[in-house]
Amino acid sequence: MKAQEREALLQALKTRFEKNMHRHKAIAWADVQARLEAHPGALKSLREMEATGGEPDLIGQDRKTGRLSFCDCSVETPGGRRSLCYDREALDARKEHKPKSGAVEMAAAMGIELLTEEQYRDLQALGEFDLKTSSWIQAPPEIRALGGALFGDRRYGRVFVYHNGAQSYYAARGFRGLLRV
């Protein structure tokens, strides 16, 4: 990443960090920036999250390891990561009208992971997300083995987690990612 791109990304992250202090109380930006600068791969992942509309922000820090957790905090599921089936297996199983990719593979290529159901609900405790869209979340192996996958959204003031065939894809469904640094 060029120095100018790096500085622009860090400035965008800092602005979002300062605007949303309720997501990361008692964490100083200087500490966040130092950790990010020590992990260039994380900056690359955050750049991808930003470029696809995720508006990544710090949502927590592991008390034992000090690792920072960044998550897509765009109000709706990131626009550059929609119309995806769940994973490669689901994509390969489609006979026609294949989407461009699977959420699991796209997340891995970006260096991030899909949220678990618990992480998705924790994110929803920090704000109201996916009011008009939905986001794929990690499917437990026993559900995926049966051809299913899970997604979440917020409707009627509540967070819902639903099931769908992993091969399905919709213009309003994407995925939110988590990055630990």
Protein backbone atom coordinates (compact mmCIF):
# COMPACT_ATOMS: atom_id res chain seq x y z
CA MET A 1 0.00 0.00 0.00
CA LYS A 2 1.35 3.40 -0.93
CA ALA A 3 2.04 5.83 1.92
CA GLN A 4 -0.67 8.20 0.69
CA GLU A 5 -3.27 5.38 0.61
CA ARG A 6 -2.20 4.21 4.06
CA GLU A 7 -2.55 7.71 5.51
CA ALA A 8 -5.98 8.20 3.90
CA LEU A 9 -7.17 4.87 5.31
CA LEU A 10 -5.83 5.62 8.80
CA GLN A 11 -7.52 9.04 8.70
CA ALA A 12 -10.86 7.50 7.68
CA LEU A 13 -10.56 4.92 10.47
CA LYS A 14 -9.60 7.58 13.01
CA THR A 15 -12.55 9.80 12.04
CA ARG A 16 -14.98 6.87 12.36
CA PHE A 17 -13.33 5.80 15.63
CA GLU A 18 -13.77 9.28 17.15
CA LYS A 19 -17.36 9.59 15.90
CA ASN A 20 -18.42 6.26 17.46
CA MET A 21 -16.69 6.13 20.85
CA HIS A 22 -19.59 4.09 22.29
CA ARG A 23 -18.27 1.11 20.31
CA HIS A 24 -14.85 1.11 21.98
CA LYS A 25 -14.85 2.86 25.33
CA ALA A 26 -11.52 3.26 27.14
CA ILE A 27 -9.38 2.55 24.05
CA ALA A 28 -7.09 5.30 22.78
CA TRP A 29 -6.66 5.91 19.05
CA ALA A 30 -2.86 6.15 19.43
CA ASP A 31 -2.80 2.55 20.70
CA VAL A 32 -5.02 1.42 17.82
CA GLN A 33 -2.88 3.16 15.22
CA ALA A 34 0.34 1.71 16.66
CA ARG A 35 -1.10 -1.80 16.50
CA LEU A 36 -2.33 -1.30 12.94
CA GLU A 37 1.01 0.06 11.77
CA ALA A 38 2.73 -2.99 13.28
CA HIS A 39 0.44 -5.28 11.21
CA PRO A 40 0.47 -4.21 7.54
CA GLY A 41 -1.69 -7.20 6.56
CA ALA A 42 -4.43 -5.84 8.78
CA LEU A 43 -4.30 -2.52 6.96
CA LYS A 44 -4.74 -4.35 3.66
CA SER A 45 -7.82 -6.15 5.02
CA LEU A 46 -9.25 -2.92 6.42
CA ARG A 47 -8.69 -1.24 3.04
CA GLU A 48 -10.70 -4.03 1.38
CA MET A 49 -13.44 -3.71 3.99
CA GLU A 50 -13.57 0.05 3.36
CA ALA A 51 -13.45 -0.28 -0.44
CA THR A 52 -16.43 -2.68 -0.47
CA GLY A 53 -18.57 -0.36 1.67
CA GLY A 54 -18.12 -1.96 5.07
CA GLU A 55 -17.16 1.15 7.06
CA PRO A 56 -14.99 -0.89 9.45
CA ASP A 57 -14.68 0.29 13.02
CA LEU A 58 -13.16 -0.99 16.23
CA ILE A 59 -15.75 -2.84 18.29
CA GLY A 60 -13.66 -4.37 21.04
CA GLN A 61 -10.39 -5.56 22.50
CA ASP A 62 -9.55 -8.94 23.99
CA ARG A 63 -8.56 -8.33 27.61
CA LYS A 64 -6.12 -11.23 27.74
CA THR A 65 -4.32 -10.87 24.40
CA GLY A 66 -4.89 -7.18 23.65
CA ARG A 67 -6.06 -8.10 20.14
CA LEU A 68 -8.37 -5.54 18.55
CA SER A 69 -11.59 -6.53 16.79
CA PHE A 70 -12.74 -4.54 13.77
CA CYS A 71 -16.13 -5.14 12.19
CA ASP A 72 -18.12 -3.76 9.28
CA CYS A 73 -20.34 -1.10 10.82
CA SER A 74 -22.13 0.17 7.71
CA VAL A 75 -25.84 0.57 8.44
CA GLU A 76 -26.71 -1.94 5.71
CA THR A 77 -24.68 -4.97 4.66
CA PRO A 78 -21.72 -3.75 2.58
CA GLY A 79 -22.80 -2.91 -0.96
CA GLY A 80 -19.68 -4.35 -2.57
CA ARG A 81 -20.32 -7.75 -0.97
CA ARG A 82 -23.89 -8.57 -1.94
CA SER A 83 -25.50 -11.11 -4.27
CA LEU A 84 -23.30 -13.92 -2.99
CA CYS A 85 -24.23 -17.46 -2.09
CA TYR A 86 -22.81 -18.81 1.16
CA ASP A 87 -19.64 -20.64 0.07
CA ARG A 88 -17.74 -22.29 -2.80
CA GLU A 89 -19.57 -25.59 -2.36
CA ALA A 90 -22.90 -23.80 -2.80
CA LEU A 91 -21.59 -21.86 -5.79
CA ASP A 92 -20.33 -25.03 -7.48
CA ALA A 93 -23.67 -26.75 -6.86
CA ARG A 94 -25.64 -24.07 -8.73
CA LYS A 95 -26.43 -25.20 -12.26
CA GLU A 96 -27.37 -21.75 -13.61
CA HIS A 97 -27.54 -18.08 -12.63
CA LYS A 98 -24.39 -18.37 -10.56
CA PRO A 99 -23.42 -15.37 -8.42
CA LYS A 100 -19.89 -13.99 -8.69
CA SER A 101 -18.63 -15.72 -5.52
CA GLY A 102 -19.41 -17.17 -2.14
CA ALA A 103 -19.32 -15.12 1.06
CA VAL A 104 -16.91 -17.45 2.89
CA GLU A 105 -14.35 -17.35 0.07
CA MET A 106 -14.64 -13.61 -0.45
CA ALA A 107 -14.10 -13.04 3.28
CA ALA A 108 -11.04 -15.31 3.29
CA ALA A 109 -9.59 -13.49 0.26
CA MET A 110 -10.00 -10.22 2.18
CA GLY A 111 -8.31 -11.67 5.28
CA ILE A 112 -11.48 -11.46 7.39
CA GLU A 113 -14.08 -13.91 8.65
CA LEU A 114 -17.86 -14.01 8.71
CA LEU A 115 -19.44 -13.17 12.04
CA THR A 116 -20.79 -15.92 14.25
CA GLU A 117 -24.37 -15.62 15.48
CA GLU A 118 -23.10 -14.39 18.84
CA GLN A 119 -20.84 -11.78 17.23
CA TYR A 120 -23.70 -10.62 15.00
CA ARG A 121 -25.96 -10.14 18.03
CA ASP A 122 -23.13 -8.33 19.88
CA LEU A 123 -22.73 -5.98 16.91
CA GLN A 124 -26.47 -5.30 16.91
CA ALA A 125 -26.15 -4.26 20.58
CA LEU A 126 -23.85 -1.43 19.41
CA GLY A 127 -26.35 -0.01 16.91
CA GLU A 128 -29.08 -0.85 14.43
CA PHE A 129 -27.75 -2.70 11.40
CA ASP A 130 -29.34 -4.49 8.45
CA LEU A 131 -32.70 -2.74 8.63
CA LYS A 132 -33.29 -3.25 4.89
CA THR A 133 -30.66 -5.89 4.06
CA SER A 134 -29.40 -9.12 5.58
CA SER A 135 -25.97 -10.61 6.24
CA TRP A 136 -24.70 -14.18 5.97
CA ILE A 137 -23.22 -15.41 9.26
CA GLN A 138 -21.16 -18.51 10.01
CA ALA A 139 -23.24 -21.64 9.64
CA PRO A 140 -22.67 -24.40 12.19
CA PRO A 141 -21.24 -27.52 10.49
CA GLU A 142 -24.35 -29.58 11.17
CA ILE A 143 -26.54 -27.03 9.34
CA ARG A 144 -24.08 -26.61 6.48
CA ALA A 145 -23.82 -30.41 6.10
CA LEU A 146 -27.56 -30.45 5.35
CA GLY A 147 -27.20 -27.77 2.66
CA GLY A 148 -28.26 -24.85 4.82
CA ALA A 149 -26.74 -21.60 5.97
CA LEU A 150 -27.69 -18.78 8.33
CA PHE A 151 -28.21 -15.05 7.92
CA GLY A 152 -29.34 -12.25 10.20
CA ASP A 153 -31.10 -8.92 10.03
CA ARG A 154 -33.01 -6.45 12.20
CA ARG A 155 -36.74 -5.99 11.70
CA TYR A 156 -39.49 -4.66 13.95
CA GLY A 157 -36.92 -3.56 16.52
CA ARG A 158 -35.56 -7.12 16.94
CA VAL A 159 -32.60 -9.09 15.65
CA PHE A 160 -33.54 -12.23 13.73
CA VAL A 161 -31.41 -15.15 12.59
CA TYR A 162 -32.89 -17.25 9.82
CA HIS A 163 -31.94 -20.20 7.65
CA ASN A 164 -31.75 -20.50 3.89
CA GLY A 165 -30.26 -22.87 1.36
CA ALA A 166 -26.56 -22.08 1.05
CA GLN A 167 -26.99 -21.86 -2.75
CA SER A 168 -29.40 -18.93 -2.49
CA TYR A 169 -28.37 -15.36 -3.10
CA TYR A 170 -30.20 -12.04 -3.11
CA ALA A 171 -29.37 -8.48 -4.08
CA ALA A 172 -29.99 -7.37 -0.50
CA ARG A 173 -27.90 -10.09 1.19
CA GLY A 174 -24.17 -9.82 1.72
CA PHE A 175 -21.88 -10.37 4.64
CA ARG A 176 -20.19 -8.45 7.41
CA GLY A 177 -16.62 -9.29 8.30
CA LEU A 178 -14.57 -9.43 11.45
CA LEU A 179 -10.84 -8.73 11.61
CA ARG A 180 -8.72 -9.39 14.69
CA VAL A 181 -5.43 -7.53 14.95
